[in-house]
Amino acid sequence: MPKLAPLAVLLCLASGCTYPAGPGSTNLTDGSYKGRPALQAAAPQICPDTHYGYFEIADRDLHFAYLPGIVFDAAVNPDGSLHDTRGPAVLDGKVGDDHLTLSVTTPDCHTDYNMRFVWNHS
């Protein structure tokens, strides 16, 4: 059976697979990311705190509660981009090279996130 593994990888690559698999991993974006947000424009009483936090991507999906009533659910596209809109709130981002960068814009806030990969638990 181990002799078939290289053949499976070649067949996958030939058919257009874009998410490399490793032992126990389904892709290279799932995992935890740690960092601190930076408010670019804000109404401080309305915008989220700027303390260190974690993001988690699981099954190529980012579920992120930005503020009460604004919960994003952004799928990671094959090119690593993320996008979601909830009413007037917009999330745009990119994941790759062990980093997750996001920008969230609402009528009252603009927050940038620059997170680093800390752990793949898939």
PDB file of N, CA and C in Angstrom:
ATOM      1  N   MET A   1       0.799  -1.201   0.000  1.00  0.00           N
ATOM      2  CA  MET A   1       0.000   0.000   0.000  1.00  0.00           C
ATOM      3  C   MET A   1       0.846   1.273   0.000  1.00  0.00           C
ATOM      4  N   PRO A   2       1.978   1.362   0.749  1.00  0.00           N
ATOM      5  CA  PRO A   2       2.775   2.585   0.731  1.00  0.00           C
ATOM      6  C   PRO A   2       3.270   2.955  -0.664  1.00  0.00           C
ATOM      7  N   LYS A   3       3.448   1.952  -1.557  1.00  0.00           N
ATOM      8  CA  LYS A   3       3.911   2.251  -2.907  1.00  0.00           C
ATOM      9  C   LYS A   3       2.864   3.012  -3.704  1.00  0.00           C
ATOM     10  N   LEU A   4       1.620   2.958  -3.278  1.00  0.00           N
ATOM     11  CA  LEU A   4       0.559   3.662  -3.987  1.00  0.00           C
ATOM     12  C   LEU A   4       0.477   5.137  -3.602  1.00  0.00           C
ATOM     13  N   ALA A   5       1.041   5.518  -2.468  1.00  0.00           N
ATOM     14  CA  ALA A   5       0.959   6.907  -2.006  1.00  0.00           C
ATOM     15  C   ALA A   5       1.540   7.898  -3.020  1.00  0.00           C
ATOM     16  N   PRO A   6       2.752   7.671  -3.550  1.00  0.00           N
ATOM     17  CA  PRO A   6       3.268   8.621  -4.547  1.00  0.00           C
ATOM     18  C   PRO A   6       2.373   8.708  -5.781  1.00  0.00           C
ATOM     19  N   LEU A   7       1.800   7.583  -6.188  1.00  0.00           N
ATOM     20  CA  LEU A   7       0.899   7.581  -7.332  1.00  0.00           C
ATOM     21  C   LEU A   7      -0.346   8.416  -7.035  1.00  0.00           C
ATOM     22  N   ALA A   8      -0.865   8.302  -5.829  1.00  0.00           N
ATOM     23  CA  ALA A   8      -2.044   9.081  -5.441  1.00  0.00           C
ATOM     24  C   ALA A   8      -1.737  10.572  -5.469  1.00  0.00           C
ATOM     25  N   VAL A   9      -0.564  10.952  -4.994  1.00  0.00           N
ATOM     26  CA  VAL A   9      -0.166  12.363  -5.009  1.00  0.00           C
ATOM     27  C   VAL A   9      -0.042  12.861  -6.441  1.00  0.00           C
ATOM     28  N   LEU A  10       0.577  12.078  -7.317  1.00  0.00           N
ATOM     29  CA  LEU A  10       0.719  12.479  -8.718  1.00  0.00           C
ATOM     30  C   LEU A  10      -0.635  12.613  -9.396  1.00  0.00           C
ATOM     31  N   LEU A  11      -1.540  11.673  -9.138  1.00  0.00           N
ATOM     32  CA  LEU A  11      -2.876  11.748  -9.719  1.00  0.00           C
ATOM     33  C   LEU A  11      -3.618  12.989  -9.216  1.00  0.00           C
ATOM     34  N   CYS A  12      -3.464  13.273  -7.945  1.00  0.00           N
ATOM     35  CA  CYS A  12      -4.099  14.449  -7.364  1.00  0.00           C
ATOM     36  C   CYS A  12      -3.581  15.721  -8.023  1.00  0.00           C
ATOM     37  N   LEU A  13      -2.271  15.838  -8.130  1.00  0.00           N
ATOM     38  CA  LEU A  13      -1.676  17.030  -8.732  1.00  0.00           C
ATOM     39  C   LEU A  13      -2.059  17.161 -10.203  1.00  0.00           C
ATOM     40  N   ALA A  14      -2.094  16.031 -10.917  1.00  0.00           N
ATOM     41  CA  ALA A  14      -2.461  16.059 -12.332  1.00  0.00           C
ATOM     42  C   ALA A  14      -3.913  16.480 -12.528  1.00  0.00           C
ATOM     43  N   SER A  15      -4.766  16.181 -11.544  1.00  0.00           N
ATOM     44  CA  SER A  15      -6.182  16.528 -11.685  1.00  0.00           C
ATOM     45  C   SER A  15      -6.484  17.925 -11.157  1.00  0.00           C
ATOM     46  N   GLY A  16      -5.474  18.631 -10.658  1.00  0.00           N
ATOM     47  CA  GLY A  16      -5.686  20.018 -10.237  1.00  0.00           C
ATOM     48  C   GLY A  16      -5.873  20.218  -8.754  1.00  0.00           C
ATOM     49  N   CYS A  17      -5.452  19.303  -7.917  1.00  0.00           N
ATOM     50  CA  CYS A  17      -5.554  19.505  -6.466  1.00  0.00           C
ATOM     51  C   CYS A  17      -4.773  20.766  -6.089  1.00  0.00           C
ATOM     52  N   THR A  18      -5.359  21.567  -5.215  1.00  0.00           N
ATOM     53  CA  THR A  18      -4.677  22.803  -4.829  1.00  0.00           C
ATOM     54  C   THR A  18      -4.370  22.865  -3.347  1.00  0.00           C
ATOM     55  N   TYR A  19      -4.807  21.907  -2.559  1.00  0.00           N
ATOM     56  CA  TYR A  19      -4.601  21.943  -1.123  1.00  0.00           C
ATOM     57  C   TYR A  19      -3.713  20.784  -0.714  1.00  0.00           C
ATOM     58  N   PRO A  20      -2.420  21.044  -0.507  1.00  0.00           N
ATOM     59  CA  PRO A  20      -1.499  19.969  -0.148  1.00  0.00           C
ATOM     60  C   PRO A  20      -1.908  19.294   1.152  1.00  0.00           C
ATOM     61  N   ALA A  21      -1.776  18.004   1.176  1.00  0.00           N
ATOM     62  CA  ALA A  21      -2.106  17.244   2.383  1.00  0.00           C
ATOM     63  C   ALA A  21      -0.833  16.738   3.026  1.00  0.00           C
ATOM     64  N   GLY A  22      -0.802  16.709   4.310  1.00  0.00           N
ATOM     65  CA  GLY A  22       0.305  16.152   5.063  1.00  0.00           C
ATOM     66  C   GLY A  22      -0.249  15.194   6.078  1.00  0.00           C
ATOM     67  N   PRO A  23       0.592  14.564   6.874  1.00  0.00           N
ATOM     68  CA  PRO A  23       0.099  13.636   7.879  1.00  0.00           C
ATOM     69  C   PRO A  23      -0.904  14.305   8.807  1.00  0.00           C
ATOM     70  N   GLY A  24      -2.144  13.856   8.781  1.00  0.00           N
ATOM     71  CA  GLY A  24      -3.167  14.387   9.667  1.00  0.00           C
ATOM     72  C   GLY A  24      -3.692  15.757   9.298  1.00  0.00           C
ATOM     73  N   SER A  25      -3.340  16.271   8.124  1.00  0.00           N
ATOM     74  CA  SER A  25      -3.753  17.613   7.739  1.00  0.00           C
ATOM     75  C   SER A  25      -4.555  17.559   6.446  1.00  0.00           C
ATOM     76  N   THR A  26      -5.624  18.354   6.379  1.00  0.00           N
ATOM     77  CA  THR A  26      -6.412  18.397   5.160  1.00  0.00           C
ATOM     78  C   THR A  26      -5.984  19.550   4.266  1.00  0.00           C
ATOM     79  N   ASN A  27      -5.401  20.572   4.817  1.00  0.00           N
ATOM     80  CA  ASN A  27      -4.877  21.678   4.023  1.00  0.00           C
ATOM     81  C   ASN A  27      -3.940  22.506   4.892  1.00  0.00           C
ATOM     82  N   LEU A  28      -3.359  23.509   4.273  1.00  0.00           N
ATOM     83  CA  LEU A  28      -2.355  24.293   4.991  1.00  0.00           C
ATOM     84  C   LEU A  28      -2.889  25.591   5.578  1.00  0.00           C
ATOM     85  N   THR A  29      -4.200  25.838   5.499  1.00  0.00           N
ATOM     86  CA  THR A  29      -4.738  27.062   6.076  1.00  0.00           C
ATOM     87  C   THR A  29      -5.473  26.822   7.377  1.00  0.00           C
ATOM     88  N   ASP A  30      -5.984  25.605   7.596  1.00  0.00           N
ATOM     89  CA  ASP A  30      -6.688  25.318   8.840  1.00  0.00           C
ATOM     90  C   ASP A  30      -5.733  25.451  10.015  1.00  0.00           C
ATOM     91  N   GLY A  31      -6.193  26.072  11.083  1.00  0.00           N
ATOM     92  CA  GLY A  31      -5.376  26.211  12.274  1.00  0.00           C
ATOM     93  C   GLY A  31      -5.723  27.466  13.036  1.00  0.00           C
ATOM     94  N   SER A  32      -4.909  27.774  14.024  1.00  0.00           N
ATOM     95  CA  SER A  32      -5.107  28.949  14.863  1.00  0.00           C
ATOM     96  C   SER A  32      -4.108  30.028  14.472  1.00  0.00           C
ATOM     97  N   TYR A  33      -4.567  31.273  14.508  1.00  0.00           N
ATOM     98  CA  TYR A  33      -3.758  32.436  14.191  1.00  0.00           C
ATOM     99  C   TYR A  33      -3.866  33.409  15.349  1.00  0.00           C
ATOM    100  N   LYS A  34      -2.732  33.993  15.742  1.00  0.00           N
ATOM    101  CA  LYS A  34      -2.697  34.893  16.890  1.00  0.00           C
ATOM    102  C   LYS A  34      -2.176  36.249  16.458  1.00  0.00           C
ATOM    103  N   GLY A  35      -2.763  37.297  17.022  1.00  0.00           N
ATOM    104  CA  GLY A  35      -2.287  38.638  16.717  1.00  0.00           C
ATOM    105  C   GLY A  35      -3.125  39.679  17.421  1.00  0.00           C
ATOM    106  N   ARG A  36      -2.888  40.925  17.064  1.00  0.00           N
ATOM    107  CA  ARG A  36      -3.574  42.044  17.699  1.00  0.00           C
ATOM    108  C   ARG A  36      -4.176  42.942  16.620  1.00  0.00           C
ATOM    109  N   PRO A  37      -5.431  43.339  16.788  1.00  0.00           N
ATOM    110  CA  PRO A  37      -6.042  44.225  15.809  1.00  0.00           C
ATOM    111  C   PRO A  37      -5.523  45.654  15.943  1.00  0.00           C
ATOM    112  N   ALA A  38      -5.664  46.403  14.876  1.00  0.00           N
ATOM    113  CA  ALA A  38      -5.308  47.820  14.881  1.00  0.00           C
ATOM    114  C   ALA A  38      -6.503  48.600  14.351  1.00  0.00           C
ATOM    115  N   LEU A  39      -7.058  49.467  15.195  1.00  0.00           N
ATOM    116  CA  LEU A  39      -8.163  50.315  14.758  1.00  0.00           C
ATOM    117  C   LEU A  39      -7.616  51.414  13.865  1.00  0.00           C
ATOM    118  N   GLN A  40      -8.142  51.524  12.656  1.00  0.00           N
ATOM    119  CA  GLN A  40      -7.704  52.548  11.717  1.00  0.00           C
ATOM    120  C   GLN A  40      -8.604  53.778  11.788  1.00  0.00           C
ATOM    121  N   ALA A  41      -9.885  53.540  12.010  1.00  0.00           N
ATOM    122  CA  ALA A  41     -10.860  54.619  12.188  1.00  0.00           C
ATOM    123  C   ALA A  41     -11.905  54.063  13.129  1.00  0.00           C
ATOM    124  N   ALA A  42     -12.282  54.837  14.143  1.00  0.00           N
ATOM    125  CA  ALA A  42     -13.114  54.231  15.161  1.00  0.00           C
ATOM    126  C   ALA A  42     -13.971  55.207  15.935  1.00  0.00           C
ATOM    127  N   ALA A  43     -15.085  54.662  16.402  1.00  0.00           N
ATOM    128  CA  ALA A  43     -15.884  55.269  17.454  1.00  0.00           C
ATOM    129  C   ALA A  43     -15.653  54.335  18.646  1.00  0.00           C
ATOM    130  N   PRO A  44     -14.695  54.635  19.519  1.00  0.00           N
ATOM    131  CA  PRO A  44     -14.220  53.685  20.534  1.00  0.00           C
ATOM    132  C   PRO A  44     -15.308  53.007  21.362  1.00  0.00           C
ATOM    133  N   GLN A  45     -16.392  53.668  21.623  1.00  0.00           N
ATOM    134  CA  GLN A  45     -17.425  53.049  22.435  1.00  0.00           C
ATOM    135  C   GLN A  45     -18.163  51.950  21.669  1.00  0.00           C
ATOM    136  N   ILE A  46     -18.010  51.895  20.347  1.00  0.00           N
ATOM    137  CA  ILE A  46     -18.729  50.925  19.527  1.00  0.00           C
ATOM    138  C   ILE A  46     -17.807  49.828  18.999  1.00  0.00           C
ATOM    139  N   CYS A  47     -16.555  50.123  18.759  1.00  0.00           N
ATOM    140  CA  CYS A  47     -15.630  49.202  18.107  1.00  0.00           C
ATOM    141  C   CYS A  47     -15.070  48.170  19.080  1.00  0.00           C
ATOM    142  N   PRO A  48     -14.595  47.046  18.549  1.00  0.00           N
ATOM    143  CA  PRO A  48     -14.043  46.004  19.424  1.00  0.00           C
ATOM    144  C   PRO A  48     -12.734  46.449  20.085  1.00  0.00           C
ATOM    145  N   ASP A  49     -12.422  45.805  21.219  1.00  0.00           N
ATOM    146  CA  ASP A  49     -11.158  46.066  21.907  1.00  0.00           C
ATOM    147  C   ASP A  49      -9.986  45.663  21.027  1.00  0.00           C
ATOM    148  N   THR A  50      -8.838  46.270  21.281  1.00  0.00           N
ATOM    149  CA  THR A  50      -7.641  45.960  20.509  1.00  0.00           C
ATOM    150  C   THR A  50      -6.655  45.153  21.346  1.00  0.00           C
ATOM    151  N   HIS A  51      -7.126  44.087  21.934  1.00  0.00           N
ATOM    152  CA  HIS A  51      -6.243  43.204  22.700  1.00  0.00           C
ATOM    153  C   HIS A  51      -5.900  41.981  21.850  1.00  0.00           C
ATOM    154  N   TYR A  52      -4.836  41.287  22.248  1.00  0.00           N
ATOM    155  CA  TYR A  52      -4.428  40.093  21.510  1.00  0.00           C
ATOM    156  C   TYR A  52      -5.561  39.091  21.508  1.00  0.00           C
ATOM    157  N   GLY A  53      -5.673  38.380  20.412  1.00  0.00           N
ATOM    158  CA  GLY A  53      -6.708  37.365  20.299  1.00  0.00           C
ATOM    159  C   GLY A  53      -6.317  36.292  19.296  1.00  0.00           C
ATOM    160  N   TYR A  54      -7.199  35.340  19.140  1.00  0.00           N
ATOM    161  CA  TYR A  54      -6.979  34.208  18.248  1.00  0.00           C
ATOM    162  C   TYR A  54      -8.100  34.122  17.228  1.00  0.00           C
ATOM    163  N   PHE A  55      -7.748  33.690  16.047  1.00  0.00           N
ATOM    164  CA  PHE A  55      -8.708  33.318  15.026  1.00  0.00           C
ATOM    165  C   PHE A  55      -8.492  31.843  14.745  1.00  0.00           C
ATOM    166  N   GLU A  56      -9.544  31.169  14.361  1.00  0.00           N
ATOM    167  CA  GLU A  56      -9.418  29.770  13.986  1.00  0.00           C
ATOM    168  C   GLU A  56     -10.078  29.555  12.640  1.00  0.00           C
ATOM    169  N   ILE A  57      -9.344  28.902  11.748  1.00  0.00           N
ATOM    170  CA  ILE A  57      -9.889  28.474  10.469  1.00  0.00           C
ATOM    171  C   ILE A  57     -10.023  26.963  10.550  1.00  0.00           C
ATOM    172  N   ALA A  58     -11.224  26.473  10.312  1.00  0.00           N
ATOM    173  CA  ALA A  58     -11.491  25.026  10.341  1.00  0.00           C
ATOM    174  C   ALA A  58     -12.277  24.657   9.090  1.00  0.00           C
ATOM    175  N   ASP A  59     -11.866  23.592   8.447  1.00  0.00           N
ATOM    176  CA  ASP A  59     -12.511  23.161   7.205  1.00  0.00           C
ATOM    177  C   ASP A  59     -12.595  24.300   6.192  1.00  0.00           C
ATOM    178  N   ARG A  60     -11.531  25.082   6.121  1.00  0.00           N
ATOM    179  CA  ARG A  60     -11.392  26.199   5.179  1.00  0.00           C
ATOM    180  C   ARG A  60     -12.481  27.246   5.376  1.00  0.00           C
ATOM    181  N   ASP A  61     -12.875  27.476   6.641  1.00  0.00           N
ATOM    182  CA  ASP A  61     -13.918  28.439   6.962  1.00  0.00           C
ATOM    183  C   ASP A  61     -13.521  29.233   8.205  1.00  0.00           C
ATOM    184  N   LEU A  62     -13.661  30.554   8.118  1.00  0.00           N
ATOM    185  CA  LEU A  62     -13.412  31.439   9.254  1.00  0.00           C
ATOM    186  C   LEU A  62     -14.756  31.894   9.801  1.00  0.00           C
ATOM    187  N   HIS A  63     -15.033  31.581  11.045  1.00  0.00           N
ATOM    188  CA  HIS A  63     -16.244  32.023  11.741  1.00  0.00           C
ATOM    189  C   HIS A  63     -15.775  33.044  12.771  1.00  0.00           C
ATOM    190  N   PHE A  64     -16.234  34.317  12.638  1.00  0.00           N
ATOM    191  CA  PHE A  64     -15.670  35.397  13.426  1.00  0.00           C
ATOM    192  C   PHE A  64     -16.768  36.331  13.920  1.00  0.00           C
ATOM    193  N   ALA A  65     -16.930  36.394  15.243  1.00  0.00           N
ATOM    194  CA  ALA A  65     -17.878  37.318  15.866  1.00  0.00           C
ATOM    195  C   ALA A  65     -17.162  38.644  16.090  1.00  0.00           C
ATOM    196  N   TYR A  66     -17.350  39.577  15.182  1.00  0.00           N
ATOM    197  CA  TYR A  66     -16.682  40.875  15.246  1.00  0.00           C
ATOM    198  C   TYR A  66     -17.270  41.734  16.360  1.00  0.00           C
ATOM    199  N   LEU A  67     -18.569  41.856  16.371  1.00  0.00           N
ATOM    200  CA  LEU A  67     -19.312  42.585  17.395  1.00  0.00           C
ATOM    201  C   LEU A  67     -20.625  41.848  17.611  1.00  0.00           C
ATOM    202  N   PRO A  68     -21.302  42.076  18.728  1.00  0.00           N
ATOM    203  CA  PRO A  68     -22.619  41.464  18.893  1.00  0.00           C
ATOM    204  C   PRO A  68     -23.521  41.845  17.705  1.00  0.00           C
ATOM    205  N   GLY A  69     -24.076  40.862  17.083  1.00  0.00           N
ATOM    206  CA  GLY A  69     -24.923  41.110  15.918  1.00  0.00           C
ATOM    207  C   GLY A  69     -24.190  41.111  14.594  1.00  0.00           C
ATOM    208  N   ILE A  70     -22.852  41.079  14.608  1.00  0.00           N
ATOM    209  CA  ILE A  70     -22.062  41.006  13.372  1.00  0.00           C
ATOM    210  C   ILE A  70     -21.150  39.787  13.466  1.00  0.00           C
ATOM    211  N   VAL A  71     -21.605  38.693  12.874  1.00  0.00           N
ATOM    212  CA  VAL A  71     -20.844  37.444  12.887  1.00  0.00           C
ATOM    213  C   VAL A  71     -20.554  37.049  11.442  1.00  0.00           C
ATOM    214  N   PHE A  72     -19.281  37.045  11.094  1.00  0.00           N
ATOM    215  CA  PHE A  72     -18.862  36.690   9.742  1.00  0.00           C
ATOM    216  C   PHE A  72     -18.653  35.183   9.632  1.00  0.00           C
ATOM    217  N   ASP A  73     -18.907  34.660   8.435  1.00  0.00           N
ATOM    218  CA  ASP A  73     -18.647  33.261   8.115  1.00  0.00           C
ATOM    219  C   ASP A  73     -18.043  33.250   6.716  1.00  0.00           C
ATOM    220  N   ALA A  74     -16.718  33.348   6.652  1.00  0.00           N
ATOM    221  CA  ALA A  74     -16.025  33.521   5.377  1.00  0.00           C
ATOM    222  C   ALA A  74     -15.292  32.244   4.982  1.00  0.00           C
ATOM    223  N   ALA A  75     -15.609  31.742   3.809  1.00  0.00           N
ATOM    224  CA  ALA A  75     -14.905  30.578   3.267  1.00  0.00           C
ATOM    225  C   ALA A  75     -13.558  31.029   2.703  1.00  0.00           C
ATOM    226  N   VAL A  76     -12.540  30.187   2.868  1.00  0.00           N
ATOM    227  CA  VAL A  76     -11.230  30.466   2.286  1.00  0.00           C
ATOM    228  C   VAL A  76     -11.260  29.967   0.845  1.00  0.00           C
ATOM    229  N   ASN A  77     -11.076  30.875  -0.093  1.00  0.00           N
ATOM    230  CA  ASN A  77     -11.053  30.527  -1.515  1.00  0.00           C
ATOM    231  C   ASN A  77      -9.741  29.839  -1.868  1.00  0.00           C
ATOM    232  N   PRO A  78      -9.691  29.142  -3.008  1.00  0.00           N
ATOM    233  CA  PRO A  78      -8.448  28.453  -3.394  1.00  0.00           C
ATOM    234  C   PRO A  78      -7.222  29.361  -3.458  1.00  0.00           C
ATOM    235  N   ASP A  79      -7.417  30.666  -3.746  1.00  0.00           N
ATOM    236  CA  ASP A  79      -6.277  31.585  -3.789  1.00  0.00           C
ATOM    237  C   ASP A  79      -5.928  32.162  -2.413  1.00  0.00           C
ATOM    238  N   GLY A  80      -6.647  31.724  -1.362  1.00  0.00           N
ATOM    239  CA  GLY A  80      -6.375  32.182  -0.003  1.00  0.00           C
ATOM    240  C   GLY A  80      -7.176  33.401   0.410  1.00  0.00           C
ATOM    241  N   SER A  81      -7.979  33.949  -0.485  1.00  0.00           N
ATOM    242  CA  SER A  81      -8.750  35.137  -0.140  1.00  0.00           C
ATOM    243  C   SER A  81     -10.005  34.764   0.650  1.00  0.00           C
ATOM    244  N   LEU A  82     -10.477  35.717   1.454  1.00  0.00           N
ATOM    245  CA  LEU A  82     -11.706  35.570   2.230  1.00  0.00           C
ATOM    246  C   LEU A  82     -12.545  36.819   2.023  1.00  0.00           C
ATOM    247  N   HIS A  83     -13.862  36.648   1.999  1.00  0.00           N
ATOM    248  CA  HIS A  83     -14.748  37.803   1.879  1.00  0.00           C
ATOM    249  C   HIS A  83     -16.110  37.422   2.446  1.00  0.00           C
ATOM    250  N   ASP A  84     -16.697  38.349   3.205  1.00  0.00           N
ATOM    251  CA  ASP A  84     -18.060  38.167   3.688  1.00  0.00           C
ATOM    252  C   ASP A  84     -18.650  39.540   3.969  1.00  0.00           C
ATOM    253  N   THR A  85     -19.952  39.641   3.801  1.00  0.00           N
ATOM    254  CA  THR A  85     -20.677  40.879   4.070  1.00  0.00           C
ATOM    255  C   THR A  85     -21.856  40.562   4.966  1.00  0.00           C
ATOM    256  N   ARG A  86     -22.014  41.346   6.017  1.00  0.00           N
ATOM    257  CA  ARG A  86     -23.152  41.239   6.929  1.00  0.00           C
ATOM    258  C   ARG A  86     -23.746  42.630   7.060  1.00  0.00           C
ATOM    259  N   GLY A  87     -24.824  42.886   6.316  1.00  0.00           N
ATOM    260  CA  GLY A  87     -25.395  44.231   6.306  1.00  0.00           C
ATOM    261  C   GLY A  87     -24.357  45.203   5.799  1.00  0.00           C
ATOM    262  N   PRO A  88     -24.111  46.300   6.535  1.00  0.00           N
ATOM    263  CA  PRO A  88     -23.103  47.269   6.089  1.00  0.00           C
ATOM    264  C   PRO A  88     -21.671  46.880   6.469  1.00  0.00           C
ATOM    265  N   ALA A  89     -21.499  45.758   7.175  1.00  0.00           N
ATOM    266  CA  ALA A  89     -20.161  45.325   7.613  1.00  0.00           C
ATOM    267  C   ALA A  89     -19.529  44.429   6.540  1.00  0.00           C
ATOM    268  N   VAL A  90     -18.248  44.694   6.244  1.00  0.00           N
ATOM    269  CA  VAL A  90     -17.541  43.949   5.199  1.00  0.00           C
ATOM    270  C   VAL A  90     -16.226  43.418   5.757  1.00  0.00           C
ATOM    271  N   LEU A  91     -15.958  42.130   5.523  1.00  0.00           N
ATOM    272  CA  LEU A  91     -14.690  41.501   5.886  1.00  0.00           C
ATOM    273  C   LEU A  91     -13.990  41.117   4.592  1.00  0.00           C
ATOM    274  N   ASP A  92     -12.734  41.521   4.454  1.00  0.00           N
ATOM    275  CA  ASP A  92     -11.874  41.103   3.344  1.00  0.00           C
ATOM    276  C   ASP A  92     -10.562  40.648   3.934  1.00  0.00           C
ATOM    277  N   GLY A  93     -10.000  39.573   3.377  1.00  0.00           N
ATOM    278  CA  GLY A  93      -8.743  39.087   3.920  1.00  0.00           C
ATOM    279  C   GLY A  93      -8.017  38.142   2.997  1.00  0.00           C
ATOM    280  N   LYS A  94      -6.895  37.671   3.502  1.00  0.00           N
ATOM    281  CA  LYS A  94      -6.029  36.759   2.759  1.00  0.00           C
ATOM    282  C   LYS A  94      -5.292  35.888   3.771  1.00  0.00           C
ATOM    283  N   VAL A  95      -5.178  34.605   3.463  1.00  0.00           N
ATOM    284  CA  VAL A  95      -4.416  33.701   4.297  1.00  0.00           C
ATOM    285  C   VAL A  95      -3.369  33.017   3.425  1.00  0.00           C
ATOM    286  N   GLY A  96      -2.158  32.912   3.964  1.00  0.00           N
ATOM    287  CA  GLY A  96      -1.058  32.265   3.254  1.00  0.00           C
ATOM    288  C   GLY A  96       0.263  32.621   3.893  1.00  0.00           C
ATOM    289  N   ASP A  97       1.263  31.819   3.623  1.00  0.00           N
ATOM    290  CA  ASP A  97       2.610  32.048   4.164  1.00  0.00           C
ATOM    291  C   ASP A  97       2.587  32.231   5.679  1.00  0.00           C
ATOM    292  N   ASP A  98       1.788  31.409   6.357  1.00  0.00           N
ATOM    293  CA  ASP A  98       1.691  31.427   7.823  1.00  0.00           C
ATOM    294  C   ASP A  98       1.141  32.728   8.388  1.00  0.00           C
ATOM    295  N   HIS A  99       0.377  33.481   7.603  1.00  0.00           N
ATOM    296  CA  HIS A  99      -0.238  34.724   8.070  1.00  0.00           C
ATOM    297  C   HIS A  99      -1.693  34.807   7.625  1.00  0.00           C
ATOM    298  N   LEU A 100      -2.476  35.466   8.443  1.00  0.00           N
ATOM    299  CA  LEU A 100      -3.861  35.785   8.125  1.00  0.00           C
ATOM    300  C   LEU A 100      -3.994  37.292   8.277  1.00  0.00           C
ATOM    301  N   THR A 101      -4.344  37.976   7.209  1.00  0.00           N
ATOM    302  CA  THR A 101      -4.572  39.411   7.278  1.00  0.00           C
ATOM    303  C   THR A 101      -6.042  39.669   6.941  1.00  0.00           C
ATOM    304  N   LEU A 102      -6.664  40.510   7.746  1.00  0.00           N
ATOM    305  CA  LEU A 102      -8.078  40.833   7.568  1.00  0.00           C
ATOM    306  C   LEU A 102      -8.285  42.324   7.712  1.00  0.00           C
ATOM    307  N   SER A 103      -9.303  42.798   7.041  1.00  0.00           N
ATOM    308  CA  SER A 103      -9.768  44.165   7.219  1.00  0.00           C
ATOM    309  C   SER A 103     -11.273  44.095   7.373  1.00  0.00           C
ATOM    310  N   VAL A 104     -11.787  44.691   8.456  1.00  0.00           N
ATOM    311  CA  VAL A 104     -13.223  44.735   8.695  1.00  0.00           C
ATOM    312  C   VAL A 104     -13.640  46.196   8.716  1.00  0.00           C
ATOM    313  N   THR A 105     -14.641  46.506   7.903  1.00  0.00           N
ATOM    314  CA  THR A 105     -15.127  47.875   7.801  1.00  0.00           C
ATOM    315  C   THR A 105     -16.622  47.908   8.084  1.00  0.00           C
ATOM    316  N   THR A 106     -17.016  48.796   8.994  1.00  0.00           N
ATOM    317  CA  THR A 106     -18.425  49.072   9.278  1.00  0.00           C
ATOM    318  C   THR A 106     -18.603  50.585   9.159  1.00  0.00           C
ATOM    319  N   PRO A 107     -19.830  51.087   9.262  1.00  0.00           N
ATOM    320  CA  PRO A 107     -19.997  52.545   9.227  1.00  0.00           C
ATOM    321  C   PRO A 107     -19.252  53.264  10.361  1.00  0.00           C
ATOM    322  N   ASP A 108     -19.001  52.577  11.492  1.00  0.00           N
ATOM    323  CA  ASP A 108     -18.359  53.208  12.645  1.00  0.00           C
ATOM    324  C   ASP A 108     -16.913  52.798  12.880  1.00  0.00           C
ATOM    325  N   CYS A 109     -16.465  51.715  12.276  1.00  0.00           N
ATOM    326  CA  CYS A 109     -15.135  51.166  12.577  1.00  0.00           C
ATOM    327  C   CYS A 109     -14.430  50.705  11.313  1.00  0.00           C
ATOM    328  N   HIS A 110     -13.120  50.758  11.357  1.00  0.00           N
ATOM    329  CA  HIS A 110     -12.268  50.100  10.368  1.00  0.00           C
ATOM    330  C   HIS A 110     -11.150  49.459  11.172  1.00  0.00           C
ATOM    331  N   THR A 111     -11.116  48.127  11.156  1.00  0.00           N
ATOM    332  CA  THR A 111     -10.141  47.380  11.943  1.00  0.00           C
ATOM    333  C   THR A 111      -9.314  46.493  11.033  1.00  0.00           C
ATOM    334  N   ASP A 112      -7.988  46.547  11.168  1.00  0.00           N
ATOM    335  CA  ASP A 112      -7.078  45.675  10.440  1.00  0.00           C
ATOM    336  C   ASP A 112      -6.502  44.639  11.394  1.00  0.00           C
ATOM    337  N   TYR A 113      -6.366  43.423  10.905  1.00  0.00           N
ATOM    338  CA  TYR A 113      -5.802  42.324  11.689  1.00  0.00           C
ATOM    339  C   TYR A 113      -4.625  41.741  10.917  1.00  0.00           C
ATOM    340  N   ASN A 114      -3.509  41.534  11.609  1.00  0.00           N
ATOM    341  CA  ASN A 114      -2.352  40.865  11.042  1.00  0.00           C
ATOM    342  C   ASN A 114      -1.986  39.746  12.003  1.00  0.00           C
ATOM    343  N   MET A 115      -2.399  38.541  11.657  1.00  0.00           N
ATOM    344  CA  MET A 115      -2.265  37.393  12.557  1.00  0.00           C
ATOM    345  C   MET A 115      -1.199  36.439  12.026  1.00  0.00           C
ATOM    346  N   ARG A 116      -0.515  35.788  12.945  1.00  0.00           N
ATOM    347  CA  ARG A 116       0.477  34.779  12.533  1.00  0.00           C
ATOM    348  C   ARG A 116      -0.026  33.395  12.914  1.00  0.00           C
ATOM    349  N   PHE A 117       0.323  32.430  12.090  1.00  0.00           N
ATOM    350  CA  PHE A 117      -0.063  31.040  12.298  1.00  0.00           C
ATOM    351  C   PHE A 117       0.646  30.496  13.542  1.00  0.00           C
ATOM    352  N   VAL A 118      -0.108  29.857  14.439  1.00  0.00           N
ATOM    353  CA  VAL A 118       0.517  29.298  15.629  1.00  0.00           C
ATOM    354  C   VAL A 118       0.334  27.793  15.766  1.00  0.00           C
ATOM    355  N   TRP A 119      -0.722  27.214  15.164  1.00  0.00           N
ATOM    356  CA  TRP A 119      -0.941  25.793  15.392  1.00  0.00           C
ATOM    357  C   TRP A 119      -1.956  25.236  14.421  1.00  0.00           C
ATOM    358  N   ASN A 120      -1.597  24.125  13.768  1.00  0.00           N
ATOM    359  CA  ASN A 120      -2.527  23.398  12.906  1.00  0.00           C
ATOM    360  C   ASN A 120      -3.034  22.210  13.691  1.00  0.00           C
ATOM    361  N   HIS A 121      -4.323  22.185  13.950  1.00  0.00           N
ATOM    362  CA  HIS A 121      -4.896  21.118  14.765  1.00  0.00           C
ATOM    363  C   HIS A 121      -5.906  20.290  13.991  1.00  0.00           C
ATOM    364  N   SER A 122      -5.727  20.227  12.653  1.00  0.00           N
ATOM    365  CA  SER A 122      -6.618  19.398  11.857  1.00  0.00           C
ATOM    366  C   SER A 122      -6.093  17.980  11.801  1.00  0.00           C
TER     367      SER A 122
END
